[in-house]
N, C-alpha and C. Protein backbone atom coordinates (compact mmCIF):
# COMPACT_ATOMS: atom_id res chain seq x y z
N MET A 1 -82.19 56.72 50.52
CA MET A 1 -81.02 56.09 49.91
C MET A 1 -81.10 55.62 48.31
N THR A 2 -80.21 56.67 47.04
CA THR A 2 -80.58 56.39 46.17
C THR A 2 -79.78 55.04 45.21
N ARG A 3 -80.63 54.81 44.14
CA ARG A 3 -80.30 53.46 43.78
C ARG A 3 -79.08 53.66 43.39
N THR A 4 -78.32 52.51 43.27
CA THR A 4 -76.46 52.17 42.52
C THR A 4 -77.08 52.00 41.53
N ARG A 5 -75.65 52.60 40.58
CA ARG A 5 -75.74 52.64 39.16
C ARG A 5 -74.84 51.21 39.02
N VAL A 6 -75.20 50.42 37.90
CA VAL A 6 -74.06 49.31 37.68
C VAL A 6 -73.91 49.13 36.24
N TYR A 7 -72.91 48.90 36.16
CA TYR A 7 -72.91 48.58 34.86
C TYR A 7 -71.98 46.85 34.40
N LEU A 8 -72.63 45.97 33.62
CA LEU A 8 -71.91 44.97 33.34
C LEU A 8 -70.61 44.38 32.64
N GLU A 9 -70.07 43.87 33.02
CA GLU A 9 -68.70 43.59 31.89
C GLU A 9 -69.05 42.08 31.78
N VAL A 10 -69.50 41.73 30.63
CA VAL A 10 -70.03 39.96 30.65
C VAL A 10 -68.28 39.60 29.46
N GLY A 11 -67.85 38.57 30.27
CA GLY A 11 -66.75 38.16 29.52
C GLY A 11 -67.69 36.51 28.92
N ALA A 12 -66.69 35.67 28.46
CA ALA A 12 -67.00 34.34 27.82
C ALA A 12 -67.03 33.57 28.97
N LYS A 13 -66.93 33.65 30.20
CA LYS A 13 -66.70 32.68 31.69
C LYS A 13 -67.21 33.16 32.66
N ARG A 14 -66.76 34.77 32.63
CA ARG A 14 -67.19 35.44 34.08
C ARG A 14 -67.69 36.86 33.50
N THR A 15 -68.44 37.09 34.29
CA THR A 15 -68.93 38.39 34.31
C THR A 15 -68.58 39.57 35.95
N PHE A 16 -68.66 41.15 35.42
CA PHE A 16 -68.38 41.53 36.70
C PHE A 16 -69.66 42.45 36.77
N ALA A 17 -69.92 42.79 37.84
CA ALA A 17 -70.98 44.14 38.32
C ALA A 17 -70.12 44.84 38.52
N MET A 18 -69.96 46.12 38.34
CA MET A 18 -69.02 47.14 38.99
C MET A 18 -70.00 48.50 39.03
N ALA A 19 -69.70 49.28 40.22
CA ALA A 19 -70.22 50.17 40.92
C ALA A 19 -69.86 51.31 39.93
N PRO A 20 -69.77 52.31 39.50
CA PRO A 20 -68.93 53.29 38.86
C PRO A 20 -68.60 54.34 39.81
N ASP A 21 -69.72 54.43 40.63
CA ASP A 21 -69.89 55.77 41.80
C ASP A 21 -68.90 55.41 42.63
N TRP A 22 -68.69 54.42 42.87
CA TRP A 22 -68.29 53.67 44.19
C TRP A 22 -67.27 52.85 44.18
N PRO A 23 -65.70 53.56 43.53
CA PRO A 23 -64.91 52.64 42.97
C PRO A 23 -64.48 51.46 44.08
N GLY A 24 -64.03 50.26 44.18
CA GLY A 24 -63.38 49.65 44.85
C GLY A 24 -64.51 48.42 44.57
N TRP A 25 -65.90 48.97 44.41
CA TRP A 25 -67.22 47.98 45.16
C TRP A 25 -67.42 48.13 43.71
N GLY A 26 -66.93 46.20 43.18
CA GLY A 26 -67.31 45.49 42.07
C GLY A 26 -67.13 43.68 42.65
N ARG A 27 -67.75 43.30 41.90
CA ARG A 27 -67.68 41.76 42.08
C ARG A 27 -68.22 41.08 40.73
N SER A 28 -67.61 39.68 40.70
CA SER A 28 -67.88 39.21 39.62
C SER A 28 -68.88 37.76 40.36
N GLY A 29 -69.17 36.77 38.83
CA GLY A 29 -69.95 35.63 38.93
C GLY A 29 -69.53 35.06 38.07
N ARG A 30 -70.42 33.74 37.85
CA ARG A 30 -70.36 33.22 36.40
C ARG A 30 -71.03 33.63 35.51
N THR A 31 -72.31 34.17 35.94
CA THR A 31 -73.24 35.15 35.03
C THR A 31 -73.87 36.34 35.78
N ALA A 32 -74.01 36.92 35.41
CA ALA A 32 -74.78 38.54 35.42
C ALA A 32 -75.56 38.33 36.70
N ASP A 33 -76.30 37.32 36.85
CA ASP A 33 -76.60 37.11 37.91
C ASP A 33 -76.46 36.87 38.94
N ASP A 34 -75.01 36.48 39.16
CA ASP A 34 -74.53 35.61 40.41
C ASP A 34 -73.49 36.75 40.57
N ALA A 35 -73.11 37.63 39.40
CA ALA A 35 -72.34 39.08 39.98
C ALA A 35 -73.17 39.78 40.57
N LEU A 36 -74.38 40.16 40.23
CA LEU A 36 -75.28 41.34 40.87
C LEU A 36 -75.47 40.87 42.18
N ALA A 37 -75.36 39.61 42.43
CA ALA A 37 -76.00 38.48 43.98
C ALA A 37 -74.63 39.26 44.80
N ALA A 38 -73.17 38.85 44.22
CA ALA A 38 -71.92 39.07 44.60
C ALA A 38 -71.89 40.50 45.47
N LEU A 39 -72.13 41.38 44.17
CA LEU A 39 -72.30 43.09 44.23
C LEU A 39 -72.83 43.03 45.77
N ALA A 40 -74.35 42.62 46.06
CA ALA A 40 -74.93 42.73 46.97
C ALA A 40 -74.46 42.90 48.11
N ASP A 41 -73.96 41.08 47.91
CA ASP A 41 -73.46 40.74 49.39
C ASP A 41 -72.41 41.20 49.88
N TYR A 42 -71.40 41.99 48.92
CA TYR A 42 -70.16 42.94 49.49
C TYR A 42 -70.85 44.05 49.99
N ALA A 43 -71.87 44.64 49.98
CA ALA A 43 -72.17 46.46 50.41
C ALA A 43 -72.07 45.91 51.96
N ALA A 44 -72.05 45.38 52.57
CA ALA A 44 -71.48 45.68 53.91
C ALA A 44 -70.17 45.97 54.07
N ARG A 45 -69.47 45.19 53.47
CA ARG A 45 -68.17 45.01 53.62
C ARG A 45 -67.63 46.34 53.10
N TYR A 46 -68.05 46.74 51.59
CA TYR A 46 -67.68 47.96 51.44
C TYR A 46 -67.66 48.91 52.16
N THR A 47 -68.96 49.55 52.85
CA THR A 47 -69.56 50.07 53.67
C THR A 47 -68.23 50.27 54.73
N ASP A 48 -68.19 49.27 55.41
CA ASP A 48 -66.98 49.02 56.56
C ASP A 48 -65.61 49.44 55.82
N ALA A 49 -65.30 49.79 55.02
CA ALA A 49 -64.05 49.84 54.00
C ALA A 49 -64.02 51.48 53.78
N VAL A 50 -65.39 51.95 53.73
CA VAL A 50 -64.95 53.49 52.94
C VAL A 50 -65.79 54.46 53.95
N GLY A 51 -66.22 53.73 54.66
CA GLY A 51 -67.25 54.64 55.77
C GLY A 51 -68.11 55.01 55.13
N ALA A 52 -68.87 54.91 54.09
CA ALA A 52 -70.48 55.15 53.32
C ALA A 52 -71.12 54.56 53.37
N ALA A 53 -72.40 54.58 53.56
CA ALA A 53 -73.60 53.45 53.20
C ALA A 53 -73.94 53.37 51.64
N VAL A 54 -74.09 52.33 51.02
CA VAL A 54 -74.43 52.20 49.76
C VAL A 54 -75.94 51.42 50.10
N SER A 55 -75.92 51.73 48.31
CA SER A 55 -77.76 50.89 48.34
C SER A 55 -77.63 49.90 47.92
N THR A 56 -77.98 48.95 48.09
CA THR A 56 -78.47 47.02 47.27
C THR A 56 -79.30 47.38 46.31
N ASP A 57 -79.91 48.54 46.33
CA ASP A 57 -80.75 48.79 44.89
C ASP A 57 -79.95 49.07 43.68
N LEU A 58 -79.72 47.58 43.04
CA LEU A 58 -79.01 47.81 41.52
C LEU A 58 -79.64 48.08 40.52
N GLU A 59 -79.54 49.20 39.34
CA GLU A 59 -79.82 50.08 38.77
C GLU A 59 -78.95 49.42 37.57
N ILE A 60 -78.79 48.44 36.53
CA ILE A 60 -77.96 48.31 35.30
C ILE A 60 -78.54 49.56 34.36
N VAL A 61 -77.12 50.36 34.26
CA VAL A 61 -77.26 51.03 33.51
C VAL A 61 -76.55 51.30 31.68
N GLU A 62 -75.94 49.80 31.68
CA GLU A 62 -74.83 49.47 30.68
C GLU A 62 -74.21 47.99 30.59
N THR A 63 -74.04 47.89 30.01
CA THR A 63 -73.39 46.08 29.68
C THR A 63 -72.45 46.45 28.10
N VAL A 64 -71.03 46.11 28.83
CA VAL A 64 -69.75 46.40 27.98
C VAL A 64 -69.45 45.04 27.95
N ALA A 65 -68.91 44.57 26.37
CA ALA A 65 -68.00 43.51 26.53
C ALA A 65 -66.61 43.43 27.40
N GLY A 66 -66.48 41.93 27.43
CA GLY A 66 -65.28 42.13 28.98
C GLY A 66 -64.25 40.88 27.72
N ASN A 67 -63.08 40.40 27.94
CA ASN A 67 -61.98 39.88 27.15
C ASN A 67 -61.37 38.98 28.11
N ALA A 68 -60.03 38.65 27.68
CA ALA A 68 -59.55 37.66 28.59
C ALA A 68 -59.04 37.82 29.86
N THR A 69 -59.01 39.36 30.00
CA THR A 69 -58.95 39.62 31.25
C THR A 69 -60.01 39.50 32.28
N THR A 70 -61.11 39.74 31.59
CA THR A 70 -62.40 39.96 32.65
C THR A 70 -62.36 38.01 33.15
N ASP A 71 -62.04 37.21 31.98
CA ASP A 71 -62.65 36.03 32.06
C ASP A 71 -61.33 35.45 33.04
N PHE A 72 -60.15 35.84 33.38
CA PHE A 72 -58.99 35.47 34.21
C PHE A 72 -59.24 35.77 35.59
N GLY A 73 -59.91 37.28 35.75
CA GLY A 73 -60.71 37.70 37.27
C GLY A 73 -60.45 39.03 37.47
N ALA A 74 -60.08 39.77 36.30
CA ALA A 74 -60.13 41.25 36.93
C ALA A 74 -61.19 42.27 35.83
N PRO A 75 -61.67 43.27 36.36
CA PRO A 75 -62.35 43.94 35.64
C PRO A 75 -61.32 44.78 34.69
N ALA A 76 -61.70 44.93 33.45
CA ALA A 76 -60.42 45.46 32.16
C ALA A 76 -61.61 46.12 31.32
N ALA A 77 -62.77 46.30 30.96
CA ALA A 77 -63.48 47.34 30.40
C ALA A 77 -63.32 48.26 30.82
N PHE A 78 -63.60 49.55 29.41
CA PHE A 78 -63.87 50.86 29.44
C PHE A 78 -65.54 50.86 30.06
N ALA A 79 -66.25 51.60 30.51
CA ALA A 79 -67.93 51.96 30.67
C ALA A 79 -67.69 53.30 29.77
N GLY A 80 -68.62 53.67 29.35
CA GLY A 80 -69.25 54.86 28.29
C GLY A 80 -68.94 56.13 28.75
N ALA A 81 -69.43 55.73 30.26
CA ALA A 81 -69.26 57.19 31.19
C ALA A 81 -67.68 57.74 31.40
N ASP A 82 -66.62 56.68 31.69
CA ASP A 82 -65.15 56.91 31.46
C ASP A 82 -64.87 57.89 30.56
N SER A 83 -65.74 58.37 29.49
CA SER A 83 -65.30 59.20 28.45
C SER A 83 -65.82 60.35 28.58
N ALA A 84 -66.60 60.93 29.83
CA ALA A 84 -67.43 62.04 30.03
C ALA A 84 -66.57 62.81 31.03
N PRO A 85 -66.58 63.81 31.01
CA PRO A 85 -65.87 64.95 32.00
C PRO A 85 -66.28 64.72 33.29
N VAL A 86 -65.18 65.21 34.03
CA VAL A 86 -65.50 64.82 35.42
C VAL A 86 -65.13 66.02 35.92
N SER A 87 -66.31 66.21 37.04
CA SER A 87 -65.95 67.58 38.14
C SER A 87 -64.89 67.57 38.68
N ALA A 88 -64.85 69.24 39.10
CA ALA A 88 -63.78 69.08 40.46
C ALA A 88 -64.39 68.42 42.23
N ALA A 89 -65.40 68.28 41.93
CA ALA A 89 -66.18 67.85 43.06
C ALA A 89 -66.23 66.01 42.79
N ALA A 90 -66.87 65.74 41.88
CA ALA A 90 -66.66 64.02 41.25
C ALA A 90 -65.26 63.80 41.43
N ALA A 91 -64.22 64.25 40.99
CA ALA A 91 -63.04 63.97 40.87
C ALA A 91 -62.42 63.94 42.87
N GLU A 92 -62.61 64.79 43.58
CA GLU A 92 -62.52 64.84 44.64
C GLU A 92 -62.99 63.93 45.54
N ARG A 93 -63.88 63.29 45.12
CA ARG A 93 -64.81 62.43 45.82
C ARG A 93 -64.00 61.23 45.68
N THR A 94 -64.07 60.94 44.25
CA THR A 94 -63.36 59.59 43.20
C THR A 94 -61.66 59.46 44.21
N ALA A 95 -60.89 60.73 44.85
CA ALA A 95 -60.07 60.33 45.32
C ALA A 95 -59.82 59.80 46.72
N ALA A 96 -60.88 60.85 47.03
CA ALA A 96 -61.60 60.16 48.40
C ALA A 96 -61.59 58.60 48.95
N LEU A 97 -62.34 57.91 47.91
CA LEU A 97 -62.87 56.38 48.30
C LEU A 97 -61.61 55.61 47.51
N VAL A 98 -60.86 56.16 46.75
CA VAL A 98 -59.61 55.37 46.36
C VAL A 98 -58.64 55.44 47.66
N SER A 99 -58.45 56.71 48.52
CA SER A 99 -57.77 56.76 49.52
C SER A 99 -58.30 56.04 51.02
N ALA A 100 -59.60 55.66 51.11
CA ALA A 100 -60.89 54.88 51.98
C ALA A 100 -60.12 53.19 51.50
N CYS A 101 -59.91 52.71 50.15
CA CYS A 101 -59.57 51.53 49.85
C CYS A 101 -58.37 51.08 50.45
N TRP A 102 -57.52 52.51 50.19
CA TRP A 102 -56.01 51.93 50.41
C TRP A 102 -55.79 52.06 51.58
N ALA A 103 -56.55 52.41 52.75
CA ALA A 103 -56.61 52.55 54.25
C ALA A 103 -57.13 51.35 54.72
N ALA A 104 -58.02 50.72 54.21
CA ALA A 104 -58.73 49.75 54.26
C ALA A 104 -57.55 48.48 54.43
N LEU A 105 -57.51 48.30 53.44
CA LEU A 105 -56.11 47.22 53.31
C LEU A 105 -55.13 47.33 53.94
N ASP A 106 -54.81 48.30 54.65
CA ASP A 106 -54.05 48.74 55.58
C ASP A 106 -54.19 48.38 56.77
N ARG A 107 -55.31 48.81 56.69
CA ARG A 107 -55.89 47.82 58.45
C ARG A 107 -55.87 46.47 58.09
N VAL A 108 -56.11 46.08 57.33
CA VAL A 108 -56.94 44.64 57.16
C VAL A 108 -55.18 43.71 57.52
N ALA A 109 -54.37 44.37 56.68
CA ALA A 109 -53.19 43.82 56.34
C ALA A 109 -52.29 43.99 57.98
N ALA A 110 -52.66 45.40 58.76
CA ALA A 110 -52.19 45.01 60.11
C ALA A 110 -52.68 44.08 61.10
N GLY A 111 -53.70 43.71 60.91
CA GLY A 111 -54.56 42.92 62.19
C GLY A 111 -54.36 41.08 61.41
N SER A 112 -53.61 41.04 60.12
CA SER A 112 -53.41 39.35 59.74
C SER A 112 -51.66 39.02 59.90
N PRO A 113 -52.17 37.92 60.19
CA PRO A 113 -50.68 37.25 60.38
C PRO A 113 -49.64 37.10 58.86
N GLU A 114 -48.54 36.94 58.85
CA GLU A 114 -47.91 36.67 57.59
C GLU A 114 -48.55 35.29 57.05
N ASP A 115 -48.86 34.30 58.09
CA ASP A 115 -49.05 32.90 57.18
C ASP A 115 -50.36 33.04 57.04
N LEU A 116 -51.09 32.91 55.72
CA LEU A 116 -52.15 32.78 55.82
C LEU A 116 -52.70 31.23 55.35
N ARG A 117 -54.18 31.44 55.43
CA ARG A 117 -55.13 29.77 54.90
C ARG A 117 -54.56 29.40 53.64
N LYS A 118 -54.14 28.38 52.93
CA LYS A 118 -54.57 28.35 51.97
C LYS A 118 -55.69 28.41 50.98
N GLY A 119 -55.87 28.60 49.93
CA GLY A 119 -56.96 29.01 49.03
C GLY A 119 -57.64 27.45 49.09
N PRO A 120 -58.85 27.55 47.68
CA PRO A 120 -59.11 26.27 48.10
C PRO A 120 -59.10 25.16 47.22
N ARG A 121 -57.50 26.11 46.24
CA ARG A 121 -57.10 24.97 45.80
C ARG A 121 -55.94 24.66 45.83
N GLY A 122 -55.14 25.24 47.27
CA GLY A 122 -54.65 25.13 48.41
C GLY A 122 -53.30 25.75 47.59
N GLY A 123 -53.20 27.18 46.88
CA GLY A 123 -52.35 28.10 47.10
C GLY A 123 -52.44 29.12 47.63
N GLY A 124 -52.04 30.35 46.70
CA GLY A 124 -52.90 31.63 47.08
C GLY A 124 -51.44 32.18 48.49
N ARG A 125 -51.23 33.61 47.83
CA ARG A 125 -49.69 34.44 48.31
C ARG A 125 -50.21 34.25 49.89
N ASP A 126 -49.37 34.34 50.76
CA ASP A 126 -49.23 35.18 52.24
C ASP A 126 -49.07 36.41 52.19
N ARG A 127 -49.33 37.02 53.22
CA ARG A 127 -49.67 38.42 53.40
C ARG A 127 -48.68 39.40 52.95
N ASP A 128 -47.62 39.30 53.21
CA ASP A 128 -46.47 40.28 52.69
C ASP A 128 -46.43 40.35 50.70
N ARG A 129 -46.66 38.83 50.58
CA ARG A 129 -46.26 38.67 48.74
C ARG A 129 -47.53 39.11 48.36
N MET A 130 -48.40 39.27 49.13
CA MET A 130 -49.92 40.07 48.47
C MET A 130 -49.78 41.58 48.58
N LEU A 131 -49.26 41.57 49.44
CA LEU A 131 -48.91 43.20 49.60
C LEU A 131 -48.03 43.76 48.87
N THR A 132 -47.03 42.69 48.31
CA THR A 132 -45.94 43.48 47.39
C THR A 132 -46.45 43.54 45.79
N HIS A 133 -47.71 41.95 46.03
CA HIS A 133 -48.24 41.62 44.79
C HIS A 133 -49.17 43.51 44.56
N VAL A 134 -49.92 43.94 45.10
CA VAL A 134 -50.79 44.81 45.22
C VAL A 134 -49.88 46.49 44.86
N ILE A 135 -48.39 46.48 45.65
CA ILE A 135 -47.99 47.90 45.18
C ILE A 135 -46.96 47.63 43.67
N GLU A 136 -46.62 46.68 43.43
CA GLU A 136 -46.04 46.24 42.22
C GLU A 136 -46.76 46.64 41.19
N THR A 137 -48.25 46.53 41.15
CA THR A 137 -49.79 46.68 40.55
C THR A 137 -49.56 48.11 40.49
N GLU A 138 -49.81 48.21 41.47
CA GLU A 138 -50.19 49.47 41.72
C GLU A 138 -49.15 50.66 40.75
N ALA A 139 -47.96 50.37 40.57
CA ALA A 139 -46.95 50.99 40.16
C ALA A 139 -47.52 50.91 38.67
N ALA A 140 -47.69 50.03 38.27
CA ALA A 140 -47.77 49.63 37.01
C ALA A 140 -49.26 50.40 36.12
N TYR A 141 -50.18 50.18 37.48
CA TYR A 141 -51.37 50.98 37.05
C TYR A 141 -50.95 52.75 36.69
N GLY A 142 -50.10 52.83 37.69
CA GLY A 142 -49.98 54.21 37.62
C GLY A 142 -49.64 54.58 36.71
N ARG A 143 -48.65 54.24 35.68
CA ARG A 143 -47.96 54.43 34.31
C ARG A 143 -49.38 54.49 33.25
N LYS A 144 -50.35 53.86 33.70
CA LYS A 144 -51.57 54.04 32.73
C LYS A 144 -52.40 55.27 33.02
N ILE A 145 -51.99 56.30 33.74
CA ILE A 145 -52.40 57.68 33.80
C ILE A 145 -51.61 58.66 34.13
N GLY A 146 -50.30 58.07 33.91
CA GLY A 146 -48.63 59.32 33.30
C GLY A 146 -47.75 59.41 34.91
N VAL A 147 -48.44 58.29 35.45
CA VAL A 147 -47.42 58.92 37.35
C VAL A 147 -46.60 57.47 36.69
N LYS A 148 -45.07 57.93 37.03
CA LYS A 148 -44.26 56.58 36.61
C LYS A 148 -43.10 56.74 37.61
N HIS A 149 -43.59 55.75 38.64
CA HIS A 149 -42.60 55.37 39.82
C HIS A 149 -42.28 53.87 39.68
N LYS A 150 -40.57 54.05 40.31
CA LYS A 150 -40.54 52.78 40.36
C LYS A 150 -41.08 51.79 41.72
N PRO A 151 -41.75 50.60 41.51
CA PRO A 151 -42.24 50.02 42.60
C PRO A 151 -41.93 50.30 44.36
N PRO A 152 -42.14 50.26 44.98
CA PRO A 152 -41.90 50.98 46.24
C PRO A 152 -41.75 49.35 47.02
N ALA A 153 -40.75 49.28 47.53
CA ALA A 153 -40.10 47.70 48.49
C ALA A 153 -41.00 47.84 49.74
N LEU A 154 -41.38 46.73 50.20
CA LEU A 154 -42.50 46.68 50.83
C LEU A 154 -41.84 47.03 51.83
N GLY A 155 -42.38 47.95 52.88
CA GLY A 155 -41.91 48.32 54.00
C GLY A 155 -41.77 50.04 53.94
N ASP A 156 -40.99 50.61 52.69
CA ASP A 156 -41.03 51.84 52.22
C ASP A 156 -41.71 52.35 52.15
N ARG A 157 -42.30 52.71 53.39
CA ARG A 157 -43.31 53.42 53.17
C ARG A 157 -43.91 55.15 52.44
N ALA A 158 -42.64 55.74 52.86
CA ALA A 158 -42.68 57.08 52.25
C ALA A 158 -42.79 56.68 50.78
N ALA A 159 -41.80 56.11 50.36
CA ALA A 159 -41.82 55.78 48.87
C ALA A 159 -43.45 55.69 48.04
N LEU A 160 -43.88 54.53 48.94
CA LEU A 160 -45.43 54.45 48.94
C LEU A 160 -46.09 55.41 48.69
N GLU A 161 -45.99 56.02 49.77
CA GLU A 161 -46.76 57.47 49.92
C GLU A 161 -46.91 58.23 48.99
N ALA A 162 -45.42 58.30 48.59
CA ALA A 162 -45.28 59.28 47.04
C ALA A 162 -46.06 59.09 46.08
N MET A 163 -45.65 57.66 45.80
CA MET A 163 -46.29 57.35 44.54
C MET A 163 -48.00 57.20 44.73
N ARG A 164 -48.22 57.02 46.38
CA ARG A 164 -50.10 57.13 46.02
C ARG A 164 -50.09 58.59 46.00
N ALA A 165 -49.85 59.30 46.59
CA ALA A 165 -50.11 61.28 46.18
C ALA A 165 -49.87 61.45 44.77
N ASP A 166 -49.26 60.85 43.74
CA ASP A 166 -49.32 61.43 42.46
C ASP A 166 -50.27 60.65 41.61
N ILE A 167 -50.38 59.33 42.52
CA ILE A 167 -52.06 59.09 42.01
C ILE A 167 -53.06 59.45 42.06
N LEU A 168 -53.08 60.14 43.50
CA LEU A 168 -54.36 60.51 43.88
C LEU A 168 -54.53 62.29 43.58
N ALA A 169 -53.25 62.41 42.99
CA ALA A 169 -53.33 63.91 42.28
C ALA A 169 -54.09 64.12 41.03
N VAL A 170 -53.74 62.84 40.19
CA VAL A 170 -54.09 62.85 38.81
C VAL A 170 -56.06 62.54 39.32
N LEU A 171 -56.23 61.50 39.95
CA LEU A 171 -57.72 60.95 40.23
C LEU A 171 -58.59 61.77 41.01
N GLY A 172 -57.91 63.05 41.58
CA GLY A 172 -58.73 64.10 42.53
C GLY A 172 -58.64 65.18 41.69
N ALA A 173 -58.08 65.17 39.83
CA ALA A 173 -58.79 66.62 39.38
C ALA A 173 -59.38 66.90 38.56
N PRO A 174 -59.93 67.41 38.36
CA PRO A 174 -60.57 68.02 37.27
C PRO A 174 -60.89 67.00 35.87
N SER A 175 -60.94 66.97 34.54
CA SER A 175 -60.86 66.34 33.52
C SER A 175 -62.10 66.84 32.51
N ASP A 176 -61.37 66.76 31.56
CA ASP A 176 -62.40 66.77 30.09
C ASP A 176 -62.88 65.01 29.92
N GLY A 177 -62.50 64.14 29.96
CA GLY A 177 -62.21 63.11 29.98
C GLY A 177 -61.76 62.11 28.90
N ALA A 178 -60.87 62.83 28.51
CA ALA A 178 -60.08 62.30 27.54
C ALA A 178 -58.96 61.82 28.46
N PRO A 179 -58.02 60.57 27.81
CA PRO A 179 -57.23 59.19 28.72
C PRO A 179 -56.06 60.20 28.10
N PRO A 180 -55.14 59.86 28.77
CA PRO A 180 -53.51 60.02 28.16
C PRO A 180 -53.41 59.17 27.30
N PRO A 181 -52.29 59.52 26.52
CA PRO A 181 -52.00 59.03 25.27
C PRO A 181 -51.94 57.14 25.25
N LYS A 182 -52.01 56.66 24.91
CA LYS A 182 -52.19 55.27 24.74
C LYS A 182 -52.40 54.29 26.70
N GLY A 183 -53.30 55.40 27.41
CA GLY A 183 -53.47 55.35 28.61
C GLY A 183 -55.14 54.61 28.89
N TRP A 184 -55.15 54.69 30.38
CA TRP A 184 -56.54 54.46 30.75
C TRP A 184 -57.05 55.63 31.40
N PRO A 185 -58.18 55.76 30.90
CA PRO A 185 -59.43 56.76 31.21
C PRO A 185 -59.20 56.82 32.96
N VAL A 186 -59.63 57.66 33.49
CA VAL A 186 -59.40 58.20 35.14
C VAL A 186 -60.04 57.59 35.61
N PRO A 187 -61.16 58.05 35.16
CA PRO A 187 -62.43 56.76 36.12
C PRO A 187 -62.08 55.79 36.12
N TYR A 188 -61.86 54.65 34.70
CA TYR A 188 -61.72 53.53 34.64
C TYR A 188 -60.53 52.85 35.87
N ALA A 189 -58.98 53.49 35.84
CA ALA A 189 -57.93 53.68 36.55
C ALA A 189 -58.43 53.45 37.88
N ALA A 190 -59.39 54.38 38.40
CA ALA A 190 -59.49 54.91 39.72
C ALA A 190 -60.34 53.20 40.18
N ARG A 191 -61.60 52.84 39.40
CA ARG A 191 -61.93 52.05 39.79
C ARG A 191 -60.91 50.78 40.44
N ARG A 192 -60.41 50.75 39.03
CA ARG A 192 -59.25 49.19 38.89
C ARG A 192 -58.40 49.42 39.75
N ILE A 193 -57.81 50.48 40.41
CA ILE A 193 -57.00 50.91 41.64
C ILE A 193 -57.74 50.25 42.86
N ALA A 194 -58.78 50.77 43.02
CA ALA A 194 -59.56 50.63 43.97
C ALA A 194 -60.10 49.42 44.79
N TRP A 195 -60.45 48.64 43.25
CA TRP A 195 -60.82 47.15 43.30
C TRP A 195 -59.61 46.05 43.59
N HIS A 196 -58.82 46.35 43.31
CA HIS A 196 -57.83 45.69 43.41
C HIS A 196 -57.20 45.64 45.26
N ALA A 197 -57.15 46.92 45.34
CA ALA A 197 -56.20 46.77 46.85
C ALA A 197 -57.67 46.53 47.47
N LEU A 198 -59.05 46.34 47.35
CA LEU A 198 -60.59 46.01 48.31
C LEU A 198 -60.18 44.40 48.14
N ASP A 199 -60.03 44.03 46.66
CA ASP A 199 -60.22 42.62 46.39
C ASP A 199 -59.11 41.55 47.26
N HIS A 200 -57.92 42.32 47.36
CA HIS A 200 -56.90 41.52 48.33
C HIS A 200 -56.99 41.45 49.71
N ALA A 201 -57.32 42.66 50.08
CA ALA A 201 -57.58 43.06 51.86
C ALA A 201 -58.69 42.07 51.95
N TRP A 202 -60.27 41.58 51.21
CA TRP A 202 -60.98 40.86 51.73
C TRP A 202 -60.30 39.65 51.36
N GLU A 203 -59.53 39.22 50.40
CA GLU A 203 -58.94 37.65 50.20
C GLU A 203 -58.34 37.44 51.78
N MET A 204 -57.85 38.27 52.13
CA MET A 204 -56.92 38.73 53.55
C MET A 204 -57.56 38.26 54.46
N GLU A 205 -58.52 39.02 54.22
CA GLU A 205 -59.80 38.45 55.89
C GLU A 205 -60.22 36.70 55.75
N ASP A 206 -60.20 36.50 54.86
CA ASP A 206 -61.10 35.46 54.55
C ASP A 206 -60.20 34.18 54.35
N ARG A 207 -58.83 34.69 54.35
CA ARG A 207 -57.81 33.52 54.66
C ARG A 207 -57.36 33.99 56.18
N ARG A 208 -57.72 34.68 56.91
CA ARG A 208 -56.70 34.41 58.26
C ARG A 208 -57.19 33.03 58.66
N PRO A 209 -55.75 32.40 59.67
CA PRO A 209 -56.41 31.37 60.14
C PRO A 209 -57.29 31.83 61.35
N GLY A 210 -58.04 30.62 61.69
CA GLY A 210 -58.69 30.42 62.99
C GLY A 210 -60.23 30.33 62.20
């Protein structure tokens, strides 16, 4: 198995370790070492989510500066490779992985009760509020790559699938690397969308009662 390329997004309080070739596989920690350890710890969960084995032999290929969003808890910085051309095969693979992350979230939600255990500070969304948050956020992310849908209502599967199909059409198309005007590079959008879906899927799993 080949080494996994990783870039570090370093904020003032938090660092993310992101695997650019594996959308959705990204974790954070207070330091770079913490983030890399967390990324390796989640390798098995990511493999279960997308159905593809990943290597925990990590190779740091870039370090980028984070910002307030990084410190808040979401990967926000573009990587250098995000401006590179994307081949048809690579784009198709990316779209398939993002779709797998959505499917993983659906599976976890189907096996989770509405009422989840509270988080370590006594808070946290329950299942349906979490799913609504993910859907609304995906609609906002979609606009960053030119996909304009009103956030589908929870339970409106047809509307959700239509929005996601339009997002996948962009993610799965070859690109010269230029982002839409005032938008996000498509590879970054894929990582952010997939990371957000899996981050909440794993939170939901961890907060199941019992």
